[in-house]
Amino acid sequence: MRFIIFLILLCGCADSDSKRILYPDQIGDTIFDAELDDPNFQFCNAEQVLHKRNLIKYQNGTKGLEKDIRKKYIAKQEFQAFSGYIIVRFAINCNNQIGRLRLEILDNNFKSTSAPDGLETHIRDSFSSLNAWQHPVYKDQDYDGYSFYTLKFTNGKLELI
């Protein structure tokens, strides 16, 4: 009898993996992509990357970031067709370098969409060139970390960071 109960439990446990729900768009570790990522960007300790967005700082805070992004953003004619949001996810290593940038493009109803040619590259390049990041420090230890910012556009004009 114990053997039968053991078999039932064993089969039930093995079956639970096949019922696991996968969330392909979940935020987690950003895997290196040779087509998108700079191979020179390295985590200082890939085993301990913090997911504490509020610990990554920018020189002069969010206002400093907004000022620097607005300086870099050039509202081109072809961008005027875009209204919506661009979520920029990225990593900062313990050397204050940015990498592993990923963009998600949403319309005003927060549904996935595409951006005009060149806008994604322009935003990615603008964020990549920022050099006033301050890596996370937690309990007096330096870490790598992940963060994100949401940019709002109306008719190609950058409205809000």
C-alpha atoms as a PDB file:
ATOM      1  CA  MET A   1       0.000   0.000   0.000  1.00  0.00           C
ATOM      2  CA  ARG A   2       2.819   2.436   0.866  1.00  0.00           C
ATOM      3  CA  PHE A   3       4.415   1.709  -2.482  1.00  0.00           C
ATOM      4  CA  ILE A   4       1.208   2.686  -4.343  1.00  0.00           C
ATOM      5  CA  ILE A   5       0.904   5.942  -2.369  1.00  0.00           C
ATOM      6  CA  PHE A   6       4.567   6.662  -3.073  1.00  0.00           C
ATOM      7  CA  LEU A   7       4.013   6.120  -6.816  1.00  0.00           C
ATOM      8  CA  ILE A   8       0.969   8.396  -6.849  1.00  0.00           C
ATOM      9  CA  LEU A   9       2.898  11.148  -5.088  1.00  0.00           C
ATOM     10  CA  LEU A  10       5.886  10.694  -7.381  1.00  0.00           C
ATOM     11  CA  CYS A  11       3.744  10.891 -10.508  1.00  0.00           C
ATOM     12  CA  GLY A  12       1.922  13.942  -9.168  1.00  0.00           C
ATOM     13  CA  CYS A  13       5.212  15.760  -8.508  1.00  0.00           C
ATOM     14  CA  ALA A  14       6.626  14.928 -11.918  1.00  0.00           C
ATOM     15  CA  ASP A  15       3.467  16.141 -13.602  1.00  0.00           C
ATOM     16  CA  SER A  16       3.523  19.556 -11.883  1.00  0.00           C
ATOM     17  CA  ASP A  17       6.449  20.766 -14.044  1.00  0.00           C
ATOM     18  CA  SER A  18       4.414  20.296 -17.208  1.00  0.00           C
ATOM     19  CA  LYS A  19       1.620  22.467 -15.767  1.00  0.00           C
ATOM     20  CA  ARG A  20       3.951  25.317 -14.798  1.00  0.00           C
ATOM     21  CA  ILE A  21       2.837  28.618 -16.286  1.00  0.00           C
ATOM     22  CA  LEU A  22       5.515  30.462 -18.234  1.00  0.00           C
ATOM     23  CA  TYR A  23       5.614  34.250 -18.345  1.00  0.00           C
ATOM     24  CA  PRO A  24       7.897  35.139 -21.266  1.00  0.00           C
ATOM     25  CA  ASP A  25       7.745  38.892 -20.662  1.00  0.00           C
ATOM     26  CA  GLN A  26       8.510  38.776 -16.955  1.00  0.00           C
ATOM     27  CA  ILE A  27      11.206  41.058 -15.612  1.00  0.00           C
ATOM     28  CA  GLY A  28      14.211  39.145 -14.459  1.00  0.00           C
ATOM     29  CA  ASP A  29      17.817  38.776 -15.392  1.00  0.00           C
ATOM     30  CA  THR A  30      18.462  40.153 -18.860  1.00  0.00           C
ATOM     31  CA  ILE A  31      20.326  37.566 -20.880  1.00  0.00           C
ATOM     32  CA  PHE A  32      23.150  38.745 -23.137  1.00  0.00           C
ATOM     33  CA  ASP A  33      22.046  39.269 -26.749  1.00  0.00           C
ATOM     34  CA  ALA A  34      24.929  39.625 -29.212  1.00  0.00           C
ATOM     35  CA  GLU A  35      22.758  41.692 -31.587  1.00  0.00           C
ATOM     36  CA  LEU A  36      21.822  44.269 -28.928  1.00  0.00           C
ATOM     37  CA  ASP A  37      24.445  44.254 -26.206  1.00  0.00           C
ATOM     38  CA  ASP A  38      27.944  45.631 -25.935  1.00  0.00           C
ATOM     39  CA  PRO A  39      30.236  42.649 -25.295  1.00  0.00           C
ATOM     40  CA  ASN A  40      32.473  44.922 -23.183  1.00  0.00           C
ATOM     41  CA  PHE A  41      29.722  45.439 -20.597  1.00  0.00           C
ATOM     42  CA  GLN A  42      30.292  42.975 -17.799  1.00  0.00           C
ATOM     43  CA  PHE A  43      28.658  42.501 -14.438  1.00  0.00           C
ATOM     44  CA  CYS A  44      31.110  42.682 -11.555  1.00  0.00           C
ATOM     45  CA  ASN A  45      29.308  39.743  -9.967  1.00  0.00           C
ATOM     46  CA  ALA A  46      26.624  38.200 -12.166  1.00  0.00           C
ATOM     47  CA  GLU A  47      25.575  35.998  -9.244  1.00  0.00           C
ATOM     48  CA  GLN A  48      24.426  38.986  -7.170  1.00  0.00           C
ATOM     49  CA  VAL A  49      22.631  41.511  -9.370  1.00  0.00           C
ATOM     50  CA  LEU A  50      20.123  43.532  -7.359  1.00  0.00           C
ATOM     51  CA  HIS A  51      16.578  44.075  -8.518  1.00  0.00           C
ATOM     52  CA  LYS A  52      16.164  47.133  -6.292  1.00  0.00           C
ATOM     53  CA  ARG A  53      15.455  49.930  -8.733  1.00  0.00           C
ATOM     54  CA  ASN A  54      15.479  52.648  -6.089  1.00  0.00           C
ATOM     55  CA  LEU A  55      19.120  51.908  -5.206  1.00  0.00           C
ATOM     56  CA  ILE A  56      20.400  52.913  -8.651  1.00  0.00           C
ATOM     57  CA  LYS A  57      20.938  56.648  -8.656  1.00  0.00           C
ATOM     58  CA  TYR A  58      21.652  59.229 -11.306  1.00  0.00           C
ATOM     59  CA  GLN A  59      23.759  62.317 -10.652  1.00  0.00           C
ATOM     60  CA  ASN A  60      21.355  65.109  -9.610  1.00  0.00           C
ATOM     61  CA  GLY A  61      18.512  62.592  -9.342  1.00  0.00           C
ATOM     62  CA  THR A  62      15.593  62.088 -11.696  1.00  0.00           C
ATOM     63  CA  LYS A  63      15.687  65.782 -12.643  1.00  0.00           C
ATOM     64  CA  GLY A  64      19.308  65.372 -13.732  1.00  0.00           C
ATOM     65  CA  LEU A  65      18.381  62.307 -15.792  1.00  0.00           C
ATOM     66  CA  GLU A  66      15.445  64.107 -17.378  1.00  0.00           C
ATOM     67  CA  LYS A  67      17.647  67.099 -18.241  1.00  0.00           C
ATOM     68  CA  ASP A  68      20.299  64.870 -19.839  1.00  0.00           C
ATOM     69  CA  ILE A  69      17.764  62.807 -21.828  1.00  0.00           C
ATOM     70  CA  ARG A  70      16.016  65.945 -23.079  1.00  0.00           C
ATOM     71  CA  LYS A  71      19.393  67.316 -24.231  1.00  0.00           C
ATOM     72  CA  LYS A  72      20.054  64.146 -26.210  1.00  0.00           C
ATOM     73  CA  TYR A  73      16.547  63.635 -27.627  1.00  0.00           C
ATOM     74  CA  ILE A  74      16.025  65.069 -31.088  1.00  0.00           C
ATOM     75  CA  ALA A  75      12.364  65.077 -32.152  1.00  0.00           C
ATOM     76  CA  LYS A  76      12.653  64.148 -35.820  1.00  0.00           C
ATOM     77  CA  GLN A  77       9.850  64.565 -38.346  1.00  0.00           C
ATOM     78  CA  GLU A  78       9.400  60.796 -38.675  1.00  0.00           C
ATOM     79  CA  PHE A  79       8.848  60.440 -34.909  1.00  0.00           C
ATOM     80  CA  GLN A  80       5.689  62.625 -34.984  1.00  0.00           C
ATOM     81  CA  ALA A  81       3.537  59.594 -35.792  1.00  0.00           C
ATOM     82  CA  PHE A  82       4.304  58.075 -32.390  1.00  0.00           C
ATOM     83  CA  SER A  83       2.252  58.652 -29.258  1.00  0.00           C
ATOM     84  CA  GLY A  84       2.668  56.226 -26.414  1.00  0.00           C
ATOM     85  CA  TYR A  85       5.278  54.938 -24.021  1.00  0.00           C
ATOM     86  CA  ILE A  86       8.749  53.484 -24.240  1.00  0.00           C
ATOM     87  CA  ILE A  87       9.905  51.523 -21.222  1.00  0.00           C
ATOM     88  CA  VAL A  88      13.688  51.372 -21.062  1.00  0.00           C
ATOM     89  CA  ARG A  89      15.068  48.515 -18.938  1.00  0.00           C
ATOM     90  CA  PHE A  90      18.787  48.311 -18.282  1.00  0.00           C
ATOM     91  CA  ALA A  91      21.558  47.193 -15.975  1.00  0.00           C
ATOM     92  CA  ILE A  92      24.207  49.258 -14.179  1.00  0.00           C
ATOM     93  CA  ASN A  93      27.354  47.456 -13.105  1.00  0.00           C
ATOM     94  CA  CYS A  94      29.468  48.283 -10.064  1.00  0.00           C
ATOM     95  CA  ASN A  95      31.694  50.446 -12.308  1.00  0.00           C
ATOM     96  CA  ASN A  96      28.671  52.698 -13.086  1.00  0.00           C
ATOM     97  CA  GLN A  97      28.463  51.482 -16.685  1.00  0.00           C
ATOM     98  CA  ILE A  98      25.120  50.947 -18.400  1.00  0.00           C
ATOM     99  CA  GLY A  99      24.299  47.882 -20.481  1.00  0.00           C
ATOM    100  CA  ARG A 100      21.737  45.231 -21.387  1.00  0.00           C
ATOM    101  CA  LEU A 101      19.231  47.829 -22.582  1.00  0.00           C
ATOM    102  CA  ARG A 102      15.807  46.534 -23.591  1.00  0.00           C
ATOM    103  CA  LEU A 103      12.907  48.616 -24.859  1.00  0.00           C
ATOM    104  CA  GLU A 104       9.207  47.905 -24.710  1.00  0.00           C
ATOM    105  CA  ILE A 105       6.977  50.023 -26.939  1.00  0.00           C
ATOM    106  CA  LEU A 106       3.363  50.625 -25.860  1.00  0.00           C
ATOM    107  CA  ASP A 107       0.540  52.691 -27.296  1.00  0.00           C
ATOM    108  CA  ASN A 108      -1.595  55.018 -25.160  1.00  0.00           C
ATOM    109  CA  ASN A 109      -3.778  52.052 -24.189  1.00  0.00           C
ATOM    110  CA  PHE A 110      -0.660  50.196 -22.940  1.00  0.00           C
ATOM    111  CA  LYS A 111      -0.849  47.627 -25.733  1.00  0.00           C
ATOM    112  CA  SER A 112       2.330  46.472 -27.415  1.00  0.00           C
ATOM    113  CA  THR A 113       3.085  48.360 -30.634  1.00  0.00           C
ATOM    114  CA  SER A 114       6.019  49.501 -32.728  1.00  0.00           C
ATOM    115  CA  ALA A 115       7.810  52.825 -32.971  1.00  0.00           C
ATOM    116  CA  PRO A 116       8.767  54.751 -36.116  1.00  0.00           C
ATOM    117  CA  ASP A 117      12.044  53.810 -37.768  1.00  0.00           C
ATOM    118  CA  GLY A 118      14.971  55.156 -35.843  1.00  0.00           C
ATOM    119  CA  LEU A 119      13.163  56.075 -32.617  1.00  0.00           C
ATOM    120  CA  GLU A 120      14.137  52.885 -30.762  1.00  0.00           C
ATOM    121  CA  THR A 121      17.763  53.242 -31.837  1.00  0.00           C
ATOM    122  CA  HIS A 122      17.761  56.923 -30.878  1.00  0.00           C
ATOM    123  CA  ILE A 123      16.415  56.174 -27.375  1.00  0.00           C
ATOM    124  CA  ARG A 124      18.769  53.221 -26.892  1.00  0.00           C
ATOM    125  CA  ASP A 125      21.767  55.313 -27.994  1.00  0.00           C
ATOM    126  CA  SER A 126      20.695  58.231 -25.784  1.00  0.00           C
ATOM    127  CA  PHE A 127      20.497  56.047 -22.677  1.00  0.00           C
ATOM    128  CA  SER A 128      23.707  54.185 -23.564  1.00  0.00           C
ATOM    129  CA  SER A 129      25.642  57.442 -23.711  1.00  0.00           C
ATOM    130  CA  LEU A 130      24.610  58.584 -20.214  1.00  0.00           C
ATOM    131  CA  ASN A 131      27.566  58.384 -17.853  1.00  0.00           C
ATOM    132  CA  ALA A 132      26.333  59.800 -14.548  1.00  0.00           C
ATOM    133  CA  TRP A 133      24.937  56.567 -13.113  1.00  0.00           C
ATOM    134  CA  GLN A 134      25.654  55.503  -9.564  1.00  0.00           C
ATOM    135  CA  HIS A 135      25.566  51.754  -8.978  1.00  0.00           C
ATOM    136  CA  PRO A 136      23.578  50.308  -6.095  1.00  0.00           C
ATOM    137  CA  VAL A 137      25.095  50.152  -2.648  1.00  0.00           C
ATOM    138  CA  TYR A 138      23.241  47.947  -0.194  1.00  0.00           C
ATOM    139  CA  LYS A 139      24.346  47.278   3.386  1.00  0.00           C
ATOM    140  CA  ASP A 140      27.693  48.964   2.628  1.00  0.00           C
ATOM    141  CA  GLN A 141      28.423  46.648  -0.329  1.00  0.00           C
ATOM    142  CA  ASP A 142      28.710  47.568  -4.014  1.00  0.00           C
ATOM    143  CA  TYR A 143      26.415  45.730  -6.422  1.00  0.00           C
ATOM    144  CA  ASP A 144      25.309  45.568 -10.022  1.00  0.00           C
ATOM    145  CA  GLY A 145      21.633  46.316 -10.500  1.00  0.00           C
ATOM    146  CA  TYR A 146      18.657  46.552 -12.821  1.00  0.00           C
ATOM    147  CA  SER A 147      16.399  49.544 -13.319  1.00  0.00           C
ATOM    148  CA  PHE A 148      13.893  50.999 -15.772  1.00  0.00           C
ATOM    149  CA  TYR A 149      12.401  54.307 -16.803  1.00  0.00           C
ATOM    150  CA  THR A 150       9.212  55.017 -18.696  1.00  0.00           C
ATOM    151  CA  LEU A 151       9.202  57.724 -21.347  1.00  0.00           C
ATOM    152  CA  LYS A 152       5.926  59.212 -22.560  1.00  0.00           C
ATOM    153  CA  PHE A 153       5.605  60.621 -26.075  1.00  0.00           C
ATOM    154  CA  THR A 154       2.862  62.664 -27.728  1.00  0.00           C
ATOM    155  CA  ASN A 155       3.164  63.122 -31.473  1.00  0.00           C
ATOM    156  CA  GLY A 156       6.869  62.369 -31.255  1.00  0.00           C
ATOM    157  CA  LYS A 157       7.491  64.916 -28.516  1.00  0.00           C
ATOM    158  CA  LEU A 158       9.033  63.639 -25.289  1.00  0.00           C
ATOM    159  CA  GLU A 159       6.539  64.610 -22.607  1.00  0.00           C
ATOM    160  CA  LEU A 160       7.505  62.848 -19.412  1.00  0.00           C
ATOM    161  CA  ILE A 161      10.229  60.730 -17.865  1.00  0.00           C
END
